[in-house]
C-alpha cells in the first residue's frame, strides 16, 4: 500500500454537503446586498426626479406670477366684490369665505398662456401649463406721503404718490400626483385715471 490516505466515502459526502451549504449562504448574502443597493439606487432616482419636478413647477409658477403682475399693470381688472368673472379675475374677497385659490373651478377659468389674453409664460414643455388668478384687494388705498414723515430714515428716498390699487396674484403650476407649487404676491400700482 502506498502512503496515500484513503478517506471514508461518508466523510467526503459530508464535506461536499458543508461546502454546498456555505456557498448557498454566501450567495444568499450577496443577493440581499445587491437588492439593498438596488433599492437605495431606485430611492435616490425617485428623490432626484421629485426634486427636478418641484423645481420645474416652482420656476413655472414664478414665471406665471411675473406674467400676472405685468398683465395687471397693463390691464387692471375691476370685477365685482366677492365674485370671479370666469376669466381669472376676482373682486374683493369675502373675509368670511374661502379663499378663491382653494376653489378648483376658479383654476379652470384662471389665466394661462392659452386663454387668448396674449400671456407669455414660456417655461418649456409642461404637462399642465401654469395658471394665475388675479384678486382685487383694495381699490382706494389713500395717497402715500412719506416725504413729511419723521418715522423713516432721513436718508430714505422721498415718495408721494396717488391713490393706488392692490391686487393679490396667485400662481399655480403642477399636476395632481406630482409636485404642485402655489405662489402669491401682493401687487400695488397707481390707480389709473379711467378707474
N, C-alpha and C. Protein backbone atom coordinates (compact mmCIF):
# COMPACT_ATOMS: atom_id res chain seq x y z
N UNK A 1 0.81 -1.16 0.00
CA UNK A 1 0.00 0.00 0.00
C UNK A 1 0.86 1.23 0.00
N UNK A 2 0.42 2.21 -0.68
CA UNK A 2 1.19 3.46 -0.75
C UNK A 2 0.89 4.31 0.46
N UNK A 3 1.61 5.49 0.54
CA UNK A 3 1.46 6.37 1.68
C UNK A 3 0.20 7.23 1.61
N UNK A 4 -0.59 7.15 0.57
CA UNK A 4 -1.79 7.99 0.43
C UNK A 4 -2.87 7.50 1.38
N UNK A 5 -3.54 8.43 1.96
CA UNK A 5 -4.62 8.08 2.87
C UNK A 5 -5.91 7.97 2.08
N UNK A 6 -6.64 7.04 2.40
CA UNK A 6 -7.95 6.88 1.77
C UNK A 6 -8.99 7.33 2.79
N UNK A 7 -9.82 8.25 2.34
CA UNK A 7 -10.85 8.76 3.23
C UNK A 7 -12.12 7.93 3.11
N UNK A 8 -12.81 7.94 4.15
CA UNK A 8 -14.07 7.24 4.19
C UNK A 8 -15.04 7.96 3.25
N UNK A 9 -15.77 7.25 2.36
CA UNK A 9 -16.70 7.89 1.44
C UNK A 9 -17.80 8.67 2.16
N UNK A 10 -18.22 8.29 3.30
CA UNK A 10 -19.26 9.02 4.03
C UNK A 10 -18.72 10.36 4.50
N UNK A 11 -17.45 10.42 4.89
CA UNK A 11 -16.83 11.67 5.33
C UNK A 11 -16.72 12.66 4.17
N UNK A 12 -16.34 12.14 2.96
CA UNK A 12 -16.25 13.01 1.78
C UNK A 12 -17.63 13.56 1.41
N UNK A 13 -18.66 12.82 1.53
CA UNK A 13 -20.01 13.29 1.21
C UNK A 13 -20.43 14.39 2.17
N UNK A 14 -20.08 14.26 3.46
CA UNK A 14 -20.41 15.31 4.43
C UNK A 14 -19.66 16.59 4.11
N UNK A 15 -18.41 16.47 3.67
CA UNK A 15 -17.63 17.65 3.31
C UNK A 15 -18.27 18.37 2.13
N UNK A 16 -18.70 17.65 1.12
CA UNK A 16 -19.33 18.27 -0.04
C UNK A 16 -20.64 18.93 0.37
N UNK A 17 -21.36 18.40 1.26
CA UNK A 17 -22.61 18.99 1.75
C UNK A 17 -22.35 20.29 2.50
N UNK A 18 -21.30 20.37 3.28
CA UNK A 18 -20.96 21.58 4.03
C UNK A 18 -20.52 22.67 3.07
N UNK A 19 -19.75 22.32 2.05
CA UNK A 19 -19.30 23.32 1.07
C UNK A 19 -20.50 23.89 0.31
N UNK A 20 -21.41 23.02 -0.04
CA UNK A 20 -22.61 23.48 -0.74
C UNK A 20 -23.41 24.43 0.14
N UNK A 21 -23.56 24.10 1.42
CA UNK A 21 -24.30 24.95 2.35
C UNK A 21 -23.63 26.32 2.49
N UNK A 22 -22.31 26.35 2.61
CA UNK A 22 -21.57 27.62 2.73
C UNK A 22 -21.71 28.45 1.47
N UNK A 23 -21.61 27.84 0.33
CA UNK A 23 -21.76 28.57 -0.95
C UNK A 23 -23.17 29.13 -1.07
N UNK A 24 -24.17 28.37 -0.70
CA UNK A 24 -25.55 28.86 -0.76
C UNK A 24 -25.77 30.03 0.19
N UNK A 25 -25.18 29.98 1.38
CA UNK A 25 -25.30 31.10 2.33
C UNK A 25 -24.62 32.36 1.78
N UNK A 26 -23.44 32.21 1.20
CA UNK A 26 -22.75 33.36 0.60
C UNK A 26 -23.56 33.94 -0.56
N UNK A 27 -24.14 33.06 -1.35
CA UNK A 27 -24.97 33.53 -2.46
C UNK A 27 -26.20 34.29 -1.95
N UNK A 28 -26.80 33.82 -0.87
CA UNK A 28 -27.95 34.50 -0.28
C UNK A 28 -27.55 35.88 0.26
N UNK A 29 -26.42 35.95 0.94
CA UNK A 29 -25.95 37.24 1.47
C UNK A 29 -25.66 38.21 0.33
N UNK A 30 -25.00 37.74 -0.71
CA UNK A 30 -24.70 38.62 -1.86
C UNK A 30 -25.98 39.10 -2.53
N UNK A 31 -26.97 38.23 -2.64
CA UNK A 31 -28.26 38.62 -3.24
C UNK A 31 -28.94 39.70 -2.41
N UNK A 32 -28.91 39.55 -1.09
CA UNK A 32 -29.50 40.56 -0.22
C UNK A 32 -28.76 41.90 -0.33
N UNK A 33 -27.45 41.86 -0.42
CA UNK A 33 -26.67 43.10 -0.60
C UNK A 33 -27.00 43.78 -1.93
N UNK A 34 -27.12 43.01 -2.98
CA UNK A 34 -27.46 43.58 -4.30
C UNK A 34 -28.86 44.18 -4.26
N UNK A 35 -29.82 43.49 -3.65
CA UNK A 35 -31.18 44.02 -3.57
C UNK A 35 -31.23 45.31 -2.75
N UNK A 36 -30.48 45.37 -1.65
CA UNK A 36 -30.45 46.58 -0.82
C UNK A 36 -29.84 47.75 -1.59
N UNK A 37 -28.77 47.50 -2.33
CA UNK A 37 -28.15 48.60 -3.09
C UNK A 37 -29.06 49.05 -4.23
N UNK A 38 -29.78 48.10 -4.86
CA UNK A 38 -30.72 48.50 -5.92
C UNK A 38 -31.86 49.32 -5.34
N UNK A 39 -32.34 48.93 -4.17
CA UNK A 39 -33.42 49.70 -3.54
C UNK A 39 -32.96 51.12 -3.23
N UNK A 40 -31.75 51.27 -2.73
CA UNK A 40 -31.19 52.60 -2.46
C UNK A 40 -31.05 53.42 -3.73
N UNK A 41 -30.60 52.78 -4.81
CA UNK A 41 -30.44 53.49 -6.07
C UNK A 41 -31.79 53.95 -6.63
N UNK A 42 -32.79 53.08 -6.53
CA UNK A 42 -34.13 53.45 -7.02
C UNK A 42 -34.70 54.59 -6.18
N UNK A 43 -34.49 54.54 -4.86
CA UNK A 43 -34.97 55.61 -3.99
C UNK A 43 -34.29 56.94 -4.33
N UNK A 44 -32.99 56.92 -4.57
CA UNK A 44 -32.28 58.14 -4.94
C UNK A 44 -32.77 58.67 -6.29
N UNK A 45 -33.05 57.77 -7.21
CA UNK A 45 -33.56 58.20 -8.52
C UNK A 45 -34.93 58.87 -8.37
N UNK A 46 -35.79 58.32 -7.53
CA UNK A 46 -37.11 58.92 -7.30
C UNK A 46 -36.98 60.29 -6.63
N UNK A 47 -36.07 60.38 -5.65
CA UNK A 47 -35.88 61.66 -4.97
C UNK A 47 -35.37 62.71 -5.94
N UNK A 48 -34.47 62.34 -6.82
CA UNK A 48 -33.94 63.27 -7.81
C UNK A 48 -35.05 63.70 -8.78
N UNK A 49 -35.87 62.76 -9.21
CA UNK A 49 -36.97 63.10 -10.12
C UNK A 49 -37.98 64.02 -9.44
N UNK A 50 -38.29 63.77 -8.16
CA UNK A 50 -39.22 64.63 -7.44
C UNK A 50 -38.65 66.03 -7.26
N UNK A 51 -37.37 66.11 -6.96
CA UNK A 51 -36.72 67.41 -6.80
C UNK A 51 -36.75 68.18 -8.12
N UNK A 52 -36.46 67.50 -9.21
CA UNK A 52 -36.49 68.14 -10.54
C UNK A 52 -37.91 68.60 -10.86
N UNK A 53 -38.89 67.75 -10.59
CA UNK A 53 -40.29 68.08 -10.86
C UNK A 53 -40.73 69.31 -10.06
N UNK A 54 -40.37 69.37 -8.79
CA UNK A 54 -40.73 70.51 -7.96
C UNK A 54 -40.01 71.77 -8.41
N UNK A 55 -38.76 71.64 -8.79
CA UNK A 55 -38.00 72.80 -9.26
C UNK A 55 -38.63 73.37 -10.54
N UNK A 56 -39.01 72.50 -11.45
CA UNK A 56 -39.64 72.93 -12.70
C UNK A 56 -41.00 73.58 -12.41
N UNK A 57 -41.78 73.00 -11.50
CA UNK A 57 -43.07 73.57 -11.13
C UNK A 57 -42.89 74.94 -10.47
N UNK A 58 -41.87 75.08 -9.63
CA UNK A 58 -41.60 76.36 -8.97
C UNK A 58 -41.25 77.43 -10.01
N UNK A 59 -40.38 77.09 -10.95
CA UNK A 59 -40.00 78.06 -11.99
C UNK A 59 -41.20 78.46 -12.84
N UNK A 60 -42.05 77.49 -13.15
CA UNK A 60 -43.23 77.79 -13.96
C UNK A 60 -44.20 78.68 -13.19
N UNK A 61 -44.41 78.40 -11.91
CA UNK A 61 -45.31 79.22 -11.10
C UNK A 61 -44.75 80.64 -10.95
N UNK A 62 -43.44 80.75 -10.79
CA UNK A 62 -42.85 82.08 -10.68
C UNK A 62 -42.97 82.85 -11.99
N UNK A 63 -42.81 82.17 -13.12
CA UNK A 63 -42.99 82.83 -14.41
C UNK A 63 -44.44 83.30 -14.57
N UNK A 64 -45.40 82.48 -14.13
CA UNK A 64 -46.81 82.87 -14.21
C UNK A 64 -47.09 84.05 -13.28
N UNK A 65 -46.48 84.07 -12.12
CA UNK A 65 -46.65 85.18 -11.18
C UNK A 65 -46.15 86.49 -11.79
N UNK A 66 -44.99 86.46 -12.40
CA UNK A 66 -44.43 87.67 -13.03
C UNK A 66 -45.29 88.10 -14.23
N UNK A 67 -45.80 87.14 -14.97
CA UNK A 67 -46.68 87.48 -16.10
C UNK A 67 -47.97 88.10 -15.58
N UNK A 68 -48.49 87.60 -14.45
CA UNK A 68 -49.69 88.16 -13.85
C UNK A 68 -49.48 89.61 -13.42
N UNK A 69 -48.34 89.89 -12.80
CA UNK A 69 -48.04 91.26 -12.39
C UNK A 69 -47.93 92.18 -13.60
N UNK A 70 -47.28 91.71 -14.64
CA UNK A 70 -47.15 92.52 -15.86
C UNK A 70 -48.52 92.77 -16.50
N UNK A 71 -49.35 91.73 -16.54
CA UNK A 71 -50.67 91.86 -17.15
C UNK A 71 -51.55 92.83 -16.36
N UNK A 72 -51.51 92.75 -15.03
CA UNK A 72 -52.31 93.64 -14.19
C UNK A 72 -51.90 95.09 -14.39
N UNK A 73 -50.62 95.32 -14.55
CA UNK A 73 -50.14 96.68 -14.77
C UNK A 73 -50.72 97.28 -16.05
N UNK A 74 -50.86 96.46 -17.09
CA UNK A 74 -51.40 96.94 -18.36
C UNK A 74 -52.93 96.87 -18.44
N UNK A 75 -53.54 95.93 -17.74
CA UNK A 75 -54.99 95.70 -17.82
C UNK A 75 -55.59 95.49 -16.45
N UNK A 76 -55.61 96.48 -15.57
CA UNK A 76 -56.14 96.24 -14.23
C UNK A 76 -57.63 95.87 -14.28
N UNK A 77 -57.96 94.64 -13.85
CA UNK A 77 -59.37 94.22 -13.91
C UNK A 77 -60.17 94.86 -12.78
N UNK A 78 -61.48 94.96 -13.00
CA UNK A 78 -62.37 95.56 -11.99
C UNK A 78 -63.61 94.68 -11.83
N UNK A 79 -63.42 93.45 -11.31
CA UNK A 79 -64.59 92.57 -11.11
C UNK A 79 -65.38 92.99 -9.88
N UNK A 80 -66.61 92.52 -9.80
CA UNK A 80 -67.48 92.82 -8.66
C UNK A 80 -66.95 92.16 -7.39
N UNK A 81 -67.24 92.80 -6.25
CA UNK A 81 -66.79 92.27 -4.97
C UNK A 81 -67.31 90.86 -4.73
N UNK A 82 -66.44 90.01 -4.21
CA UNK A 82 -66.84 88.67 -3.80
C UNK A 82 -67.12 87.69 -4.91
N UNK A 83 -66.88 88.08 -6.17
CA UNK A 83 -67.15 87.17 -7.29
C UNK A 83 -65.95 87.08 -8.21
N UNK A 84 -65.93 86.03 -9.00
CA UNK A 84 -64.92 85.88 -10.04
C UNK A 84 -65.63 85.97 -11.38
N UNK A 85 -64.97 86.57 -12.35
CA UNK A 85 -65.64 86.85 -13.62
C UNK A 85 -65.54 85.72 -14.65
N UNK A 86 -65.00 84.58 -14.30
CA UNK A 86 -64.89 83.48 -15.25
C UNK A 86 -63.71 83.62 -16.18
N UNK A 87 -62.90 84.66 -15.99
CA UNK A 87 -61.71 84.85 -16.82
C UNK A 87 -60.45 84.96 -15.97
N UNK A 88 -60.53 84.48 -14.73
CA UNK A 88 -59.36 84.50 -13.86
C UNK A 88 -59.22 85.74 -13.01
N UNK A 89 -60.25 86.62 -13.00
CA UNK A 89 -60.21 87.85 -12.21
C UNK A 89 -61.29 87.80 -11.13
N UNK A 90 -60.91 88.13 -9.91
CA UNK A 90 -61.85 88.07 -8.80
C UNK A 90 -61.88 89.40 -8.07
N UNK A 91 -63.07 89.77 -7.59
CA UNK A 91 -63.23 91.01 -6.84
C UNK A 91 -62.74 90.86 -5.42
N UNK A 92 -62.98 91.91 -4.63
CA UNK A 92 -62.52 91.91 -3.24
C UNK A 92 -63.04 90.66 -2.53
N UNK A 93 -62.14 89.96 -1.83
CA UNK A 93 -62.56 88.71 -1.19
C UNK A 93 -63.45 88.95 0.01
N UNK A 94 -64.30 87.98 0.26
CA UNK A 94 -65.15 87.99 1.45
C UNK A 94 -64.32 87.41 2.59
N UNK A 95 -64.07 88.21 3.66
CA UNK A 95 -63.23 87.70 4.76
C UNK A 95 -63.76 86.43 5.40
N UNK A 96 -65.07 86.23 5.35
CA UNK A 96 -65.66 85.04 5.97
C UNK A 96 -65.67 83.84 5.02
N UNK A 97 -65.42 84.07 3.75
CA UNK A 97 -65.47 83.00 2.76
C UNK A 97 -64.13 82.30 2.58
N UNK A 98 -64.18 81.23 1.81
CA UNK A 98 -62.95 80.51 1.48
C UNK A 98 -62.15 81.30 0.45
N UNK A 99 -60.84 81.22 0.52
CA UNK A 99 -60.01 81.91 -0.48
C UNK A 99 -60.30 81.38 -1.89
N UNK A 100 -60.27 82.26 -2.87
CA UNK A 100 -60.63 81.87 -4.23
C UNK A 100 -59.67 80.84 -4.82
N UNK A 101 -58.41 80.85 -4.37
CA UNK A 101 -57.45 79.91 -4.94
C UNK A 101 -57.66 78.48 -4.44
N UNK A 102 -58.54 78.30 -3.43
CA UNK A 102 -58.84 76.95 -2.96
C UNK A 102 -60.01 76.32 -3.71
N UNK A 103 -60.67 77.10 -4.56
CA UNK A 103 -61.79 76.59 -5.35
C UNK A 103 -61.26 76.13 -6.71
N UNK A 104 -61.37 74.84 -6.97
CA UNK A 104 -60.83 74.26 -8.20
C UNK A 104 -61.49 74.85 -9.45
N UNK A 105 -62.77 75.26 -9.36
CA UNK A 105 -63.45 75.86 -10.51
C UNK A 105 -62.77 77.16 -10.93
N UNK A 106 -62.25 77.92 -9.97
CA UNK A 106 -61.54 79.16 -10.33
C UNK A 106 -60.26 78.86 -11.10
N UNK A 107 -59.61 77.74 -10.80
CA UNK A 107 -58.40 77.39 -11.54
C UNK A 107 -58.73 76.96 -12.97
N UNK A 108 -59.91 76.39 -13.16
CA UNK A 108 -60.32 76.03 -14.53
C UNK A 108 -60.46 77.28 -15.40
N UNK A 109 -60.87 78.41 -14.78
CA UNK A 109 -61.08 79.65 -15.53
C UNK A 109 -59.88 80.61 -15.43
N UNK A 110 -58.82 80.20 -14.76
CA UNK A 110 -57.69 81.10 -14.50
C UNK A 110 -56.94 81.47 -15.77
N UNK A 111 -56.16 82.54 -15.65
CA UNK A 111 -55.32 82.99 -16.77
C UNK A 111 -54.27 81.93 -17.07
N UNK A 112 -53.99 81.73 -18.35
CA UNK A 112 -52.91 80.83 -18.76
C UNK A 112 -52.39 81.32 -20.11
N UNK A 113 -51.37 80.67 -20.60
CA UNK A 113 -50.81 81.07 -21.89
C UNK A 113 -51.79 80.83 -23.03
N UNK A 114 -52.80 80.00 -22.79
CA UNK A 114 -53.75 79.63 -23.85
C UNK A 114 -55.11 80.30 -23.72
N UNK A 115 -55.25 81.32 -22.87
CA UNK A 115 -56.57 81.89 -22.63
C UNK A 115 -56.97 83.00 -23.59
N UNK A 116 -56.11 83.34 -24.52
CA UNK A 116 -56.44 84.38 -25.50
C UNK A 116 -56.08 85.79 -25.08
N UNK A 117 -55.51 85.97 -23.89
CA UNK A 117 -55.11 87.30 -23.43
C UNK A 117 -53.70 87.66 -23.87
N UNK A 118 -53.04 86.77 -24.58
CA UNK A 118 -51.69 87.05 -25.06
C UNK A 118 -50.62 86.89 -24.00
N UNK A 119 -50.87 86.08 -22.99
CA UNK A 119 -49.88 85.87 -21.94
C UNK A 119 -48.67 85.13 -22.49
N UNK A 120 -47.50 85.53 -22.04
CA UNK A 120 -46.27 84.85 -22.42
C UNK A 120 -45.71 84.19 -21.17
N UNK A 121 -45.91 82.90 -21.07
CA UNK A 121 -45.37 82.11 -19.95
C UNK A 121 -44.59 80.98 -20.58
N UNK A 122 -43.36 81.25 -20.96
CA UNK A 122 -42.56 80.27 -21.70
C UNK A 122 -41.59 79.60 -20.74
N UNK A 123 -41.91 78.39 -20.37
CA UNK A 123 -41.07 77.65 -19.43
C UNK A 123 -40.73 76.29 -20.00
N UNK A 124 -41.06 76.02 -21.22
CA UNK A 124 -40.78 74.71 -21.82
C UNK A 124 -42.05 73.86 -21.85
N UNK A 125 -41.86 72.61 -22.19
CA UNK A 125 -42.99 71.68 -22.28
C UNK A 125 -43.35 71.15 -20.90
N UNK A 126 -44.52 71.54 -20.44
CA UNK A 126 -45.00 71.07 -19.14
C UNK A 126 -46.30 70.31 -19.37
N UNK A 127 -46.54 69.26 -18.57
CA UNK A 127 -47.80 68.53 -18.76
C UNK A 127 -49.02 69.39 -18.48
N UNK A 128 -48.91 70.32 -17.52
CA UNK A 128 -50.00 71.24 -17.20
C UNK A 128 -49.41 72.64 -17.20
N UNK A 129 -49.88 73.52 -18.08
CA UNK A 129 -49.31 74.87 -18.11
C UNK A 129 -49.63 75.65 -16.83
N UNK A 130 -48.73 76.53 -16.41
CA UNK A 130 -49.01 77.31 -15.20
C UNK A 130 -50.17 78.27 -15.42
N UNK A 131 -50.85 78.60 -14.33
CA UNK A 131 -52.01 79.49 -14.38
C UNK A 131 -51.90 80.51 -13.26
N UNK A 132 -52.67 81.61 -13.40
CA UNK A 132 -52.71 82.57 -12.31
C UNK A 132 -54.10 83.18 -12.19
N UNK A 133 -54.43 83.56 -10.95
CA UNK A 133 -55.69 84.22 -10.61
C UNK A 133 -55.35 85.60 -10.07
N UNK A 134 -56.13 86.61 -10.47
CA UNK A 134 -55.93 87.98 -10.01
C UNK A 134 -57.11 88.36 -9.12
N UNK A 135 -56.81 88.81 -7.91
CA UNK A 135 -57.84 89.28 -6.98
C UNK A 135 -57.61 90.75 -6.68
N UNK A 136 -58.65 91.53 -6.75
CA UNK A 136 -58.58 92.93 -6.32
C UNK A 136 -58.73 92.95 -4.81
N UNK A 137 -57.71 93.45 -4.11
CA UNK A 137 -57.77 93.52 -2.65
C UNK A 137 -58.29 94.87 -2.17
N UNK A 138 -57.84 95.94 -2.82
CA UNK A 138 -58.25 97.29 -2.42
C UNK A 138 -58.18 98.19 -3.65
N UNK A 139 -59.18 99.08 -3.77
CA UNK A 139 -59.20 99.96 -4.94
C UNK A 139 -59.09 101.44 -4.57
N UNK A 140 -58.93 101.75 -3.32
CA UNK A 140 -58.81 103.17 -2.96
C UNK A 140 -57.84 103.32 -1.79
N UNK A 141 -56.65 102.79 -1.95
CA UNK A 141 -55.63 102.96 -0.92
C UNK A 141 -55.24 104.43 -0.98
N UNK A 142 -55.30 105.12 0.16
CA UNK A 142 -55.07 106.57 0.12
C UNK A 142 -53.68 106.94 -0.38
N UNK A 143 -53.61 108.20 -0.78
CA UNK A 143 -52.35 108.73 -1.29
C UNK A 143 -51.26 108.56 -0.24
N UNK A 144 -50.11 108.20 -0.71
CA UNK A 144 -48.98 107.99 0.18
C UNK A 144 -48.14 109.25 0.21
N UNK A 145 -47.77 109.69 1.42
CA UNK A 145 -46.87 110.83 1.53
C UNK A 145 -45.85 110.51 2.61
N UNK A 146 -44.77 109.87 2.21
CA UNK A 146 -43.73 109.55 3.17
C UNK A 146 -42.70 110.66 3.24
N UNK A 147 -42.90 111.73 2.48
CA UNK A 147 -41.93 112.82 2.49
C UNK A 147 -42.00 113.60 3.80
N UNK A 148 -43.19 113.73 4.38
CA UNK A 148 -43.33 114.53 5.59
C UNK A 148 -43.23 113.70 6.85
N UNK A 149 -43.03 112.42 6.74
CA UNK A 149 -42.99 111.56 7.91
C UNK A 149 -41.64 111.68 8.61
N UNK A 150 -41.68 111.66 9.93
CA UNK A 150 -40.43 111.70 10.69
C UNK A 150 -40.05 110.31 11.19
N UNK A 151 -40.87 109.30 10.88
CA UNK A 151 -40.60 107.97 11.40
C UNK A 151 -39.75 107.13 10.46
N UNK A 152 -39.30 107.72 9.39
CA UNK A 152 -38.48 106.95 8.46
C UNK A 152 -37.05 107.47 8.49
N UNK A 153 -36.21 106.71 7.91
CA UNK A 153 -34.80 107.07 7.82
C UNK A 153 -34.67 108.37 7.01
N UNK A 154 -33.95 109.37 7.51
CA UNK A 154 -33.83 110.63 6.77
C UNK A 154 -33.12 110.48 5.44
N UNK A 155 -32.37 109.40 5.28
CA UNK A 155 -31.68 109.17 4.00
C UNK A 155 -32.53 108.39 3.01
N UNK A 156 -33.74 107.97 3.42
CA UNK A 156 -34.59 107.21 2.52
C UNK A 156 -35.13 108.11 1.43
N UNK A 157 -35.40 107.54 0.23
CA UNK A 157 -35.95 108.37 -0.84
C UNK A 157 -37.35 108.87 -0.49
N UNK A 158 -37.66 110.06 -0.91
CA UNK A 158 -38.96 110.67 -0.65
C UNK A 158 -39.93 110.23 -1.74
N UNK A 159 -41.14 109.81 -1.35
CA UNK A 159 -42.13 109.39 -2.33
C UNK A 159 -43.49 109.94 -1.92
N UNK A 160 -44.17 110.50 -2.87
CA UNK A 160 -45.54 110.92 -2.68
C UNK A 160 -46.30 110.50 -3.92
N UNK A 161 -47.31 109.67 -3.76
CA UNK A 161 -47.99 109.15 -4.95
C UNK A 161 -49.49 109.19 -4.82
N UNK A 162 -50.19 108.89 -5.91
CA UNK A 162 -51.65 108.95 -5.93
C UNK A 162 -52.26 107.74 -5.23
N UNK A 163 -53.59 107.75 -5.16
CA UNK A 163 -54.29 106.57 -4.65
C UNK A 163 -53.85 105.37 -5.48
N UNK A 164 -53.87 104.24 -4.85
CA UNK A 164 -53.38 103.07 -5.59
C UNK A 164 -54.31 101.88 -5.43
N UNK A 165 -54.04 100.89 -6.25
CA UNK A 165 -54.77 99.63 -6.24
C UNK A 165 -53.87 98.55 -5.66
N UNK A 166 -54.47 97.57 -5.04
CA UNK A 166 -53.73 96.42 -4.53
C UNK A 166 -54.39 95.16 -5.08
N UNK A 167 -53.56 94.33 -5.69
CA UNK A 167 -54.02 93.05 -6.23
C UNK A 167 -53.24 91.93 -5.58
N UNK A 168 -53.91 90.80 -5.38
CA UNK A 168 -53.20 89.57 -4.98
C UNK A 168 -53.19 88.67 -6.20
N UNK A 169 -52.01 88.25 -6.57
CA UNK A 169 -51.86 87.35 -7.72
C UNK A 169 -51.41 86.00 -7.17
N UNK A 170 -52.17 84.99 -7.51
CA UNK A 170 -51.85 83.63 -7.07
C UNK A 170 -51.55 82.80 -8.30
N UNK A 171 -50.36 82.23 -8.36
CA UNK A 171 -49.94 81.40 -9.50
C UNK A 171 -49.80 79.96 -9.03
N UNK A 172 -50.16 79.04 -9.91
CA UNK A 172 -50.06 77.61 -9.59
C UNK A 172 -49.50 76.87 -10.79
N UNK A 173 -48.63 75.93 -10.49
CA UNK A 173 -48.08 75.07 -11.54
C UNK A 173 -47.96 73.66 -10.98
N UNK A 174 -48.18 72.70 -11.80
CA UNK A 174 -48.06 71.31 -11.39
C UNK A 174 -49.34 70.56 -11.67
N UNK A 175 -49.33 69.28 -11.34
CA UNK A 175 -50.47 68.42 -11.63
C UNK A 175 -50.69 67.48 -10.45
N UNK A 176 -51.91 67.01 -10.30
CA UNK A 176 -52.23 66.09 -9.22
C UNK A 176 -51.36 64.85 -9.33
N UNK A 177 -50.83 64.42 -8.22
CA UNK A 177 -49.96 63.26 -8.22
C UNK A 177 -48.51 63.62 -8.47
N UNK A 178 -48.26 64.88 -8.76
CA UNK A 178 -46.90 65.36 -8.99
C UNK A 178 -46.71 66.60 -8.12
N UNK A 179 -45.56 67.21 -8.24
CA UNK A 179 -45.29 68.41 -7.45
C UNK A 179 -46.20 69.55 -7.90
N UNK A 180 -46.86 70.19 -6.94
CA UNK A 180 -47.70 71.35 -7.22
C UNK A 180 -47.15 72.51 -6.39
N UNK A 181 -46.89 73.63 -7.05
CA UNK A 181 -46.36 74.80 -6.37
C UNK A 181 -47.35 75.94 -6.54
N UNK A 182 -47.68 76.61 -5.43
CA UNK A 182 -48.57 77.77 -5.43
C UNK A 182 -47.78 78.94 -4.85
N UNK A 183 -47.72 80.04 -5.59
CA UNK A 183 -47.02 81.25 -5.14
C UNK A 183 -47.99 82.41 -5.17
N UNK A 184 -47.79 83.37 -4.27
CA UNK A 184 -48.63 84.56 -4.24
C UNK A 184 -47.77 85.80 -4.11
N UNK A 185 -48.28 86.90 -4.66
CA UNK A 185 -47.67 88.20 -4.43
C UNK A 185 -48.79 89.23 -4.31
N UNK A 186 -48.52 90.27 -3.56
CA UNK A 186 -49.43 91.40 -3.48
C UNK A 186 -48.78 92.49 -4.33
N UNK A 187 -49.53 92.96 -5.31
CA UNK A 187 -49.00 93.88 -6.30
C UNK A 187 -49.72 95.23 -6.16
N UNK A 188 -48.95 96.27 -5.98
CA UNK A 188 -49.51 97.62 -5.86
C UNK A 188 -49.20 98.41 -7.11
N UNK A 189 -50.15 99.24 -7.52
CA UNK A 189 -49.95 100.09 -8.70
C UNK A 189 -50.78 101.36 -8.55
N UNK A 190 -50.35 102.44 -9.20
CA UNK A 190 -51.16 103.66 -9.14
C UNK A 190 -52.53 103.43 -9.77
N UNK A 191 -53.51 104.07 -9.20
CA UNK A 191 -54.86 103.93 -9.74
C UNK A 191 -54.93 104.67 -11.08
N UNK A 192 -55.38 103.97 -12.14
CA UNK A 192 -55.47 104.62 -13.45
C UNK A 192 -56.52 105.73 -13.43
N UNK A 193 -56.35 106.71 -14.30
CA UNK A 193 -57.28 107.84 -14.37
C UNK A 193 -58.69 107.35 -14.76
N UNK A 194 -58.78 106.30 -15.54
CA UNK A 194 -60.09 105.81 -16.00
C UNK A 194 -60.77 104.93 -14.97
N UNK A 195 -60.17 104.73 -13.83
CA UNK A 195 -60.73 103.84 -12.82
C UNK A 195 -61.98 104.46 -12.26
